[in-house]
C-alpha atoms as a PDB file:
ATOM      1  CA  UNK A   1      16.330 -19.035   0.681  1.00  0.00           C
ATOM      2  CA  UNK A   2      16.872 -15.762   2.636  1.00  0.00           C
ATOM      3  CA  UNK A   3      14.623 -13.669   4.314  1.00  0.00           C
ATOM      4  CA  UNK A   4      12.664 -10.715   2.096  1.00  0.00           C
ATOM      5  CA  UNK A   5      12.371  -7.479   3.880  1.00  0.00           C
ATOM      6  CA  UNK A   6      10.049  -4.756   3.348  1.00  0.00           C
ATOM      7  CA  UNK A   7      11.003  -0.998   2.596  1.00  0.00           C
ATOM      8  CA  UNK A   8      10.730   1.777   5.190  1.00  0.00           C
ATOM      9  CA  UNK A   9       7.649   3.735   5.343  1.00  0.00           C
ATOM     10  CA  UNK A  10       6.835   6.532   3.361  1.00  0.00           C
ATOM     11  CA  UNK A  11       5.138   9.017   5.331  1.00  0.00           C
ATOM     12  CA  UNK A  12       4.977  12.539   6.751  1.00  0.00           C
ATOM     13  CA  UNK A  13       3.194  14.532   9.256  1.00  0.00           C
ATOM     14  CA  UNK A  14       0.186  15.212   6.734  1.00  0.00           C
ATOM     15  CA  UNK A  15      -0.300  11.572   6.004  1.00  0.00           C
ATOM     16  CA  UNK A  16      -4.194  11.270   6.010  1.00  0.00           C
ATOM     17  CA  UNK A  17      -4.374   7.737   4.151  1.00  0.00           C
ATOM     18  CA  UNK A  18      -1.992   5.096   4.772  1.00  0.00           C
ATOM     19  CA  UNK A  19      -1.881   2.267   1.891  1.00  0.00           C
ATOM     20  CA  UNK A  20      -0.612  -0.844   3.455  1.00  0.00           C
ATOM     21  CA  UNK A  21       0.764  -3.769   0.975  1.00  0.00           C
ATOM     22  CA  UNK A  22       1.797  -7.046   1.995  1.00  0.00           C
ATOM     23  CA  UNK A  23       5.466  -7.630   1.178  1.00  0.00           C
ATOM     24  CA  UNK A  24       7.443  -6.166  -1.911  1.00  0.00           C
ATOM     25  CA  UNK A  25       7.494  -8.567  -4.841  1.00  0.00           C
ATOM     26  CA  UNK A  26      10.664  -9.849  -6.531  1.00  0.00           C
ATOM     27  CA  UNK A  27      10.652  -7.039  -9.102  1.00  0.00           C
ATOM     28  CA  UNK A  28       9.915  -4.264  -6.612  1.00  0.00           C
ATOM     29  CA  UNK A  29      12.930  -5.745  -4.225  1.00  0.00           C
ATOM     30  CA  UNK A  30      15.300  -5.898  -7.144  1.00  0.00           C
ATOM     31  CA  UNK A  31      14.338  -2.232  -8.100  1.00  0.00           C
ATOM     32  CA  UNK A  32      14.276  -1.124  -4.446  1.00  0.00           C
ATOM     33  CA  UNK A  33      11.170   0.421  -5.019  1.00  0.00           C
ATOM     34  CA  UNK A  34       7.322  -0.062  -4.116  1.00  0.00           C
ATOM     35  CA  UNK A  35       5.147  -1.432  -6.658  1.00  0.00           C
ATOM     36  CA  UNK A  36       8.249  -2.032  -9.147  1.00  0.00           C
ATOM     37  CA  UNK A  37       6.602  -4.565 -11.103  1.00  0.00           C
ATOM     38  CA  UNK A  38       5.358  -2.680 -14.273  1.00  0.00           C
ATOM     39  CA  UNK A  39       2.530  -5.083 -14.211  1.00  0.00           C
ATOM     40  CA  UNK A  40       1.284  -4.088 -11.045  1.00  0.00           C
ATOM     41  CA  UNK A  41      -1.425  -1.601 -11.344  1.00  0.00           C
ATOM     42  CA  UNK A  42      -0.510   0.417  -8.055  1.00  0.00           C
ATOM     43  CA  UNK A  43       0.695   3.389  -9.786  1.00  0.00           C
ATOM     44  CA  UNK A  44      -2.002   4.014 -12.499  1.00  0.00           C
ATOM     45  CA  UNK A  45      -4.951   3.258  -9.701  1.00  0.00           C
ATOM     46  CA  UNK A  46      -3.140   6.011  -7.552  1.00  0.00           C
ATOM     47  CA  UNK A  47      -3.012   8.171 -10.745  1.00  0.00           C
ATOM     48  CA  UNK A  48      -6.777   8.123 -10.917  1.00  0.00           C
ATOM     49  CA  UNK A  49      -7.412   8.428  -7.222  1.00  0.00           C
ATOM     50  CA  UNK A  50      -5.382  11.577  -7.285  1.00  0.00           C
ATOM     51  CA  UNK A  51      -6.048  13.078 -10.727  1.00  0.00           C
ATOM     52  CA  UNK A  52      -2.273  13.378 -11.139  1.00  0.00           C
ATOM     53  CA  UNK A  53      -0.470  11.359 -13.638  1.00  0.00           C
ATOM     54  CA  UNK A  54       2.369   9.300 -11.568  1.00  0.00           C
ATOM     55  CA  UNK A  55       3.442   6.423 -13.989  1.00  0.00           C
ATOM     56  CA  UNK A  56       5.319   9.062 -16.219  1.00  0.00           C
ATOM     57  CA  UNK A  57       7.377  10.544 -13.154  1.00  0.00           C
ATOM     58  CA  UNK A  58      10.552   9.374 -11.377  1.00  0.00           C
ATOM     59  CA  UNK A  59      10.307   7.058  -8.576  1.00  0.00           C
ATOM     60  CA  UNK A  60      11.271   9.657  -6.081  1.00  0.00           C
ATOM     61  CA  UNK A  61       8.998  11.991  -7.715  1.00  0.00           C
ATOM     62  CA  UNK A  62       5.996   9.242  -7.198  1.00  0.00           C
ATOM     63  CA  UNK A  63       6.589   9.284  -3.598  1.00  0.00           C
ATOM     64  CA  UNK A  64       7.053  12.937  -2.915  1.00  0.00           C
ATOM     65  CA  UNK A  65       3.432  13.507  -5.039  1.00  0.00           C
ATOM     66  CA  UNK A  66       1.997  10.827  -2.635  1.00  0.00           C
ATOM     67  CA  UNK A  67       3.143  12.539   0.322  1.00  0.00           C
ATOM     68  CA  UNK A  68       1.976  16.046  -1.136  1.00  0.00           C
ATOM     69  CA  UNK A  69      -1.410  14.455  -1.537  1.00  0.00           C
ATOM     70  CA  UNK A  70      -1.562  13.089   2.134  1.00  0.00           C
ATOM     71  CA  UNK A  71      -0.919   9.388   1.114  1.00  0.00           C
ATOM     72  CA  UNK A  72       1.693   7.058   2.839  1.00  0.00           C
ATOM     73  CA  UNK A  73       2.727   3.586   1.994  1.00  0.00           C
ATOM     74  CA  UNK A  74       4.131   0.700   4.224  1.00  0.00           C
ATOM     75  CA  UNK A  75       3.878  -3.033   4.193  1.00  0.00           C
ATOM     76  CA  UNK A  76       2.436  -5.019   7.057  1.00  0.00           C
ATOM     77  CA  UNK A  77       4.989  -7.791   6.662  1.00  0.00           C
ATOM     78  CA  UNK A  78       8.492  -6.574   7.952  1.00  0.00           C
ATOM     79  CA  UNK A  79      10.281  -9.636   6.565  1.00  0.00           C
ATOM     80  CA  UNK A  80       9.692 -13.254   5.856  1.00  0.00           C
ATOM     81  CA  UNK A  81      10.707 -16.333   3.655  1.00  0.00           C
ATOM     82  CA  UNK A  82       8.911 -16.453   0.407  1.00  0.00           C
ATOM     83  CA  UNK A  83       9.643 -18.108  -2.774  1.00  0.00           C
ATOM     84  CA  UNK A  84       8.540 -15.828  -6.040  1.00  0.00           C
ATOM     85  CA  UNK A  85       6.185 -12.825  -5.326  1.00  0.00           C
ATOM     86  CA  UNK A  86       2.926 -14.398  -4.305  1.00  0.00           C
ATOM     87  CA  UNK A  87       1.244 -13.781  -0.873  1.00  0.00           C
ATOM     88  CA  UNK A  88       0.227 -17.290  -0.474  1.00  0.00           C
ATOM     89  CA  UNK A  89       4.148 -18.160  -0.279  1.00  0.00           C
ATOM     90  CA  UNK A  90       4.950 -15.852   2.883  1.00  0.00           C
ATOM     91  CA  UNK A  91       6.273 -18.007   5.629  1.00  0.00           C
ATOM     92  CA  UNK A  92       7.853 -17.506   9.251  1.00  0.00           C
ATOM     93  CA  UNK A  93       7.028 -13.584   8.904  1.00  0.00           C
ATOM     94  CA  UNK A  94       7.647 -10.796  11.072  1.00  0.00           C
ATOM     95  CA  UNK A  95       5.264  -8.146  11.143  1.00  0.00           C
ATOM     96  CA  UNK A  96       6.065  -4.356  11.084  1.00  0.00           C
ATOM     97  CA  UNK A  97       4.941  -2.528  14.062  1.00  0.00           C
ATOM     98  CA  UNK A  98       2.114  -0.629  12.658  1.00  0.00           C
ATOM     99  CA  UNK A  99       0.497   0.695  15.932  1.00  0.00           C
ATOM    100  CA  UNK A 100       4.101   2.664  16.590  1.00  0.00           C
ATOM    101  CA  UNK A 101       3.808   3.986  13.191  1.00  0.00           C
ATOM    102  CA  UNK A 102       0.193   5.053  12.924  1.00  0.00           C
ATOM    103  CA  UNK A 103       0.552   6.821  16.446  1.00  0.00           C
ATOM    104  CA  UNK A 104       3.113   9.133  14.813  1.00  0.00           C
ATOM    105  CA  UNK A 105       0.518  10.262  12.198  1.00  0.00           C
ATOM    106  CA  UNK A 106      -1.673  12.946  13.662  1.00  0.00           C
ATOM    107  CA  UNK A 107      -3.670  13.621  10.435  1.00  0.00           C
ATOM    108  CA  UNK A 108      -4.282   9.909   9.604  1.00  0.00           C
ATOM    109  CA  UNK A 109      -7.807   9.156   9.349  1.00  0.00           C
ATOM    110  CA  UNK A 110      -8.041   6.112   6.797  1.00  0.00           C
ATOM    111  CA  UNK A 111      -6.014   2.885   6.538  1.00  0.00           C
ATOM    112  CA  UNK A 112      -6.282   1.010   3.228  1.00  0.00           C
ATOM    113  CA  UNK A 113      -5.198  -2.477   2.567  1.00  0.00           C
ATOM    114  CA  UNK A 114      -4.021  -3.331  -0.905  1.00  0.00           C
ATOM    115  CA  UNK A 115      -5.296  -6.807  -1.322  1.00  0.00           C
ATOM    116  CA  UNK A 116      -6.433  -9.679   1.182  1.00  0.00           C
ATOM    117  CA  UNK A 117      -3.542 -11.027   2.786  1.00  0.00           C
ATOM    118  CA  UNK A 118      -2.431  -7.381   3.694  1.00  0.00           C
ATOM    119  CA  UNK A 119      -5.803  -6.854   5.117  1.00  0.00           C
ATOM    120  CA  UNK A 120      -5.762 -10.158   6.911  1.00  0.00           C
ATOM    121  CA  UNK A 121      -2.071  -9.725   8.739  1.00  0.00           C
ATOM    122  CA  UNK A 122      -2.740  -5.833   8.984  1.00  0.00           C
ATOM    123  CA  UNK A 123      -5.942  -6.275  11.006  1.00  0.00           C
ATOM    124  CA  UNK A 124      -4.537  -8.693  13.444  1.00  0.00           C
ATOM    125  CA  UNK A 125      -1.643  -6.526  14.017  1.00  0.00           C
ATOM    126  CA  UNK A 126      -3.809  -3.264  14.551  1.00  0.00           C
ATOM    127  CA  UNK A 127      -6.484  -5.153  16.845  1.00  0.00           C
ATOM    128  CA  UNK A 128      -8.799  -2.528  18.500  1.00  0.00           C
ATOM    129  CA  UNK A 129      -6.652   0.378  16.938  1.00  0.00           C
ATOM    130  CA  UNK A 130      -8.252  -0.159  13.588  1.00  0.00           C
ATOM    131  CA  UNK A 131     -11.492   1.175  15.333  1.00  0.00           C
ATOM    132  CA  UNK A 132      -9.916   4.648  15.333  1.00  0.00           C
ATOM    133  CA  UNK A 133      -9.843   4.810  11.606  1.00  0.00           C
ATOM    134  CA  UNK A 134     -11.779   4.338   8.503  1.00  0.00           C
ATOM    135  CA  UNK A 135     -10.586   0.965   7.283  1.00  0.00           C
ATOM    136  CA  UNK A 136     -10.826  -0.123   3.410  1.00  0.00           C
ATOM    137  CA  UNK A 137     -10.035  -3.101   2.073  1.00  0.00           C
ATOM    138  CA  UNK A 138      -9.176  -2.893  -1.435  1.00  0.00           C
ATOM    139  CA  UNK A 139      -8.751  -5.478  -4.346  1.00  0.00           C
ATOM    140  CA  UNK A 140      -5.154  -6.318  -4.993  1.00  0.00           C
ATOM    141  CA  UNK A 141      -3.274  -4.086  -7.517  1.00  0.00           C
ATOM    142  CA  UNK A 142      -0.954  -7.063  -8.315  1.00  0.00           C
ATOM    143  CA  UNK A 143      -1.384  -8.734 -11.622  1.00  0.00           C
ATOM    144  CA  UNK A 144      -1.716 -12.168  -9.800  1.00  0.00           C
ATOM    145  CA  UNK A 145      -5.233 -10.972  -8.802  1.00  0.00           C
ATOM    146  CA  UNK A 146      -7.068 -11.289 -12.213  1.00  0.00           C
ATOM    147  CA  UNK A 147      -9.952  -9.023 -11.293  1.00  0.00           C
ATOM    148  CA  UNK A 148     -10.480  -6.541 -14.190  1.00  0.00           C
ATOM    149  CA  UNK A 149      -8.735  -3.247 -14.110  1.00  0.00           C
ATOM    150  CA  UNK A 150     -12.005  -1.300 -14.368  1.00  0.00           C
ATOM    151  CA  UNK A 151     -13.348  -3.145 -11.214  1.00  0.00           C
ATOM    152  CA  UNK A 152     -10.251  -2.538  -9.463  1.00  0.00           C
ATOM    153  CA  UNK A 153     -10.367   0.955 -10.265  1.00  0.00           C
ATOM    154  CA  UNK A 154     -14.064   1.275  -9.046  1.00  0.00           C
ATOM    155  CA  UNK A 155     -13.203  -0.005  -5.818  1.00  0.00           C
ATOM    156  CA  UNK A 156     -10.075   2.246  -5.401  1.00  0.00           C
ATOM    157  CA  UNK A 157     -11.751   5.529  -6.347  1.00  0.00           C
ATOM    158  CA  UNK A 158     -13.505   5.223  -3.064  1.00  0.00           C
ATOM    159  CA  UNK A 159      -9.931   6.752  -1.958  1.00  0.00           C
ATOM    160  CA  UNK A 160     -11.090   9.909  -3.261  1.00  0.00           C
ATOM    161  CA  UNK A 161     -13.344  10.825  -0.610  1.00  0.00           C
ATOM    162  CA  UNK A 162     -10.793  10.128   2.068  1.00  0.00           C
ATOM    163  CA  UNK A 163      -8.560  12.525   0.555  1.00  0.00           C
ATOM    164  CA  UNK A 164     -11.035  15.499  -0.582  1.00  0.00           C
ATOM    165  CA  UNK A 165      -9.590  15.054  -4.200  1.00  0.00           C
ATOM    166  CA  UNK A 166     -11.264  14.431  -7.448  1.00  0.00           C
ATOM    167  CA  UNK A 167      -9.863  12.958 -10.845  1.00  0.00           C
ATOM    168  CA  UNK A 168      -9.385  15.058 -13.691  1.00  0.00           C
END
């Protein structure tokens, strides 16, 4: 089994909110896209948070729209062995250097973890740096996490306040 790798961070100097996942799943890796599995609700949830329809956009436009709205993306795991896409199967991981990234983001106020595994690993990596930011643990947008969409959306909408945006 070969090691699976995360993608490069999607951030810029205006990033206010950094959403951190665990490690891209099989479909995302195959498409070379964050949240490339059409069953993953990330793009729908962020559409509601931002009040902008992201799903219909091309992938590059989705990323640009996130950046234009102060949202960045990355993963807490840099590489790992993992059979399939479940976080519970992550083995022999190397974590991303979150501290080096966040220290380059002067507007960053909030770090949101997409799911429990991302939060567990990310908080260990951040250590005391986490105290400098508002930290939010979100229910995973993954289809493997079976919380209803409405309940996921209610939790994710807290991100609106961090971006000073409202839904349409």
